[in-house]
Amino acid sequence: MDEQSLVHRRSAVISDTQHAILQAIVAGETDKSIACKLGMSRRSVAVHVRCASEELGSRSRSRGQLGYLIATSGVLDTPG
């Protein structure tokens, strides 16, 4: 299975919360901002961000790079 197929398969199973967090990352929001907006802890948001980074193969802790990977991967093409 190629990488693009894997990303599209993953995108079909992300939760509404994960979808909202990923959209917020692409929009450049901070963990604190995302947590306040979604009514969850910053730690929970950070865990989602770390998991997304690992899933997308980000080798950097840069939010800009992660936002780019999310935006170009197709993971947000399917609503959560």
C-alpha atoms as a PDB file:
ATOM      1  CA  MET A   1       0.000   0.000   0.000  1.00  0.00           C
ATOM      2  CA  ASP A   2       1.493   3.376  -0.952  1.00  0.00           C
ATOM      3  CA  GLU A   3       1.753   6.314   1.467  1.00  0.00           C
ATOM      4  CA  GLN A   4      -1.107   8.272  -0.141  1.00  0.00           C
ATOM      5  CA  SER A   5      -3.500   5.318   0.207  1.00  0.00           C
ATOM      6  CA  LEU A   6      -2.501   4.885   3.830  1.00  0.00           C
ATOM      7  CA  VAL A   7      -3.166   8.564   4.571  1.00  0.00           C
ATOM      8  CA  HIS A   8      -6.612   8.394   2.945  1.00  0.00           C
ATOM      9  CA  ARG A   9      -7.448   5.224   4.859  1.00  0.00           C
ATOM     10  CA  ARG A  10      -6.449   6.921   8.126  1.00  0.00           C
ATOM     11  CA  SER A  11      -8.456  10.022   7.289  1.00  0.00           C
ATOM     12  CA  ALA A  12     -11.625   7.942   7.137  1.00  0.00           C
ATOM     13  CA  VAL A  13     -11.304   6.939  10.790  1.00  0.00           C
ATOM     14  CA  ILE A  14     -10.285  10.125  12.614  1.00  0.00           C
ATOM     15  CA  SER A  15     -12.670  11.362  15.278  1.00  0.00           C
ATOM     16  CA  ASP A  16     -14.416  14.728  15.279  1.00  0.00           C
ATOM     17  CA  THR A  17     -12.015  15.879  18.028  1.00  0.00           C
ATOM     18  CA  GLN A  18      -8.951  14.800  16.058  1.00  0.00           C
ATOM     19  CA  HIS A  19     -10.325  16.521  12.972  1.00  0.00           C
ATOM     20  CA  ALA A  20     -10.894  19.763  14.901  1.00  0.00           C
ATOM     21  CA  ILE A  21      -7.394  19.631  16.389  1.00  0.00           C
ATOM     22  CA  LEU A  22      -5.775  19.022  13.013  1.00  0.00           C
ATOM     23  CA  GLN A  23      -7.728  21.895  11.448  1.00  0.00           C
ATOM     24  CA  ALA A  24      -6.618  24.169  14.291  1.00  0.00           C
ATOM     25  CA  ILE A  25      -2.976  23.162  13.793  1.00  0.00           C
ATOM     26  CA  VAL A  26      -3.226  24.034  10.105  1.00  0.00           C
ATOM     27  CA  ALA A  27      -4.754  27.398  11.121  1.00  0.00           C
ATOM     28  CA  GLY A  28      -1.718  28.023  13.344  1.00  0.00           C
ATOM     29  CA  GLU A  29      -3.440  27.836  16.720  1.00  0.00           C
ATOM     30  CA  THR A  30      -1.499  26.989  19.884  1.00  0.00           C
ATOM     31  CA  ASP A  31      -2.191  23.993  22.118  1.00  0.00           C
ATOM     32  CA  LYS A  32      -3.607  26.355  24.734  1.00  0.00           C
ATOM     33  CA  SER A  33      -5.965  27.956  22.222  1.00  0.00           C
ATOM     34  CA  ILE A  34      -7.099  24.587  20.886  1.00  0.00           C
ATOM     35  CA  ALA A  35      -7.641  23.253  24.411  1.00  0.00           C
ATOM     36  CA  CYS A  36      -9.780  26.236  25.398  1.00  0.00           C
ATOM     37  CA  LYS A  37     -11.832  26.030  22.218  1.00  0.00           C
ATOM     38  CA  LEU A  38     -12.477  22.290  22.582  1.00  0.00           C
ATOM     39  CA  GLY A  39     -12.838  22.197  26.362  1.00  0.00           C
ATOM     40  CA  MET A  40      -9.946  19.840  26.979  1.00  0.00           C
ATOM     41  CA  SER A  41      -6.547  20.006  28.671  1.00  0.00           C
ATOM     42  CA  ARG A  42      -3.430  21.286  26.923  1.00  0.00           C
ATOM     43  CA  ARG A  43      -1.832  17.931  27.714  1.00  0.00           C
ATOM     44  CA  SER A  44      -4.564  16.073  25.799  1.00  0.00           C
ATOM     45  CA  VAL A  45      -4.101  18.381  22.827  1.00  0.00           C
ATOM     46  CA  ALA A  46      -0.322  17.862  22.983  1.00  0.00           C
ATOM     47  CA  VAL A  47      -0.833  14.090  22.875  1.00  0.00           C
ATOM     48  CA  HIS A  48      -3.054  14.401  19.780  1.00  0.00           C
ATOM     49  CA  VAL A  49      -0.471  16.691  18.149  1.00  0.00           C
ATOM     50  CA  ARG A  50       2.368  14.274  18.911  1.00  0.00           C
ATOM     51  CA  CYS A  51       0.395  11.336  17.516  1.00  0.00           C
ATOM     52  CA  ALA A  52      -0.472  13.262  14.352  1.00  0.00           C
ATOM     53  CA  SER A  53       3.167  14.212  13.937  1.00  0.00           C
ATOM     54  CA  GLU A  54       4.244  10.575  14.264  1.00  0.00           C
ATOM     55  CA  GLU A  55       1.505   9.326  11.903  1.00  0.00           C
ATOM     56  CA  LEU A  56       2.510  11.821   9.231  1.00  0.00           C
ATOM     57  CA  GLY A  57       6.214  11.097   9.601  1.00  0.00           C
ATOM     58  CA  SER A  58       7.227  14.557  10.763  1.00  0.00           C
ATOM     59  CA  ARG A  59      10.867  14.504  11.814  1.00  0.00           C
ATOM     60  CA  SER A  60      10.664  17.949  13.335  1.00  0.00           C
ATOM     61  CA  ARG A  61       8.804  19.482  16.256  1.00  0.00           C
ATOM     62  CA  SER A  62       7.970  22.455  14.034  1.00  0.00           C
ATOM     63  CA  ARG A  63       4.254  23.265  14.070  1.00  0.00           C
ATOM     64  CA  GLY A  64       4.646  24.916  10.683  1.00  0.00           C
ATOM     65  CA  GLN A  65       5.959  21.704   9.164  1.00  0.00           C
ATOM     66  CA  LEU A  66       3.234  19.658  10.834  1.00  0.00           C
ATOM     67  CA  GLY A  67       0.559  22.076   9.605  1.00  0.00           C
ATOM     68  CA  TYR A  68       1.937  21.777   6.081  1.00  0.00           C
ATOM     69  CA  LEU A  69       1.990  17.966   6.254  1.00  0.00           C
ATOM     70  CA  ILE A  70      -1.590  17.876   7.517  1.00  0.00           C
ATOM     71  CA  ALA A  71      -2.798  20.330   4.878  1.00  0.00           C
ATOM     72  CA  THR A  72      -1.143  18.479   1.995  1.00  0.00           C
ATOM     73  CA  SER A  73      -1.763  14.898   3.165  1.00  0.00           C
ATOM     74  CA  GLY A  74      -5.487  14.783   2.470  1.00  0.00           C
ATOM     75  CA  VAL A  75      -6.236  13.756   6.046  1.00  0.00           C
ATOM     76  CA  LEU A  76      -8.716  16.642   6.416  1.00  0.00           C
ATOM     77  CA  ASP A  77     -10.503  15.901   3.140  1.00  0.00           C
ATOM     78  CA  THR A  78     -12.899  13.542   4.904  1.00  0.00           C
ATOM     79  CA  PRO A  79     -14.860  15.040   7.810  1.00  0.00           C
ATOM     80  CA  GLY A  80     -14.259  13.339  11.193  1.00  0.00           C
END
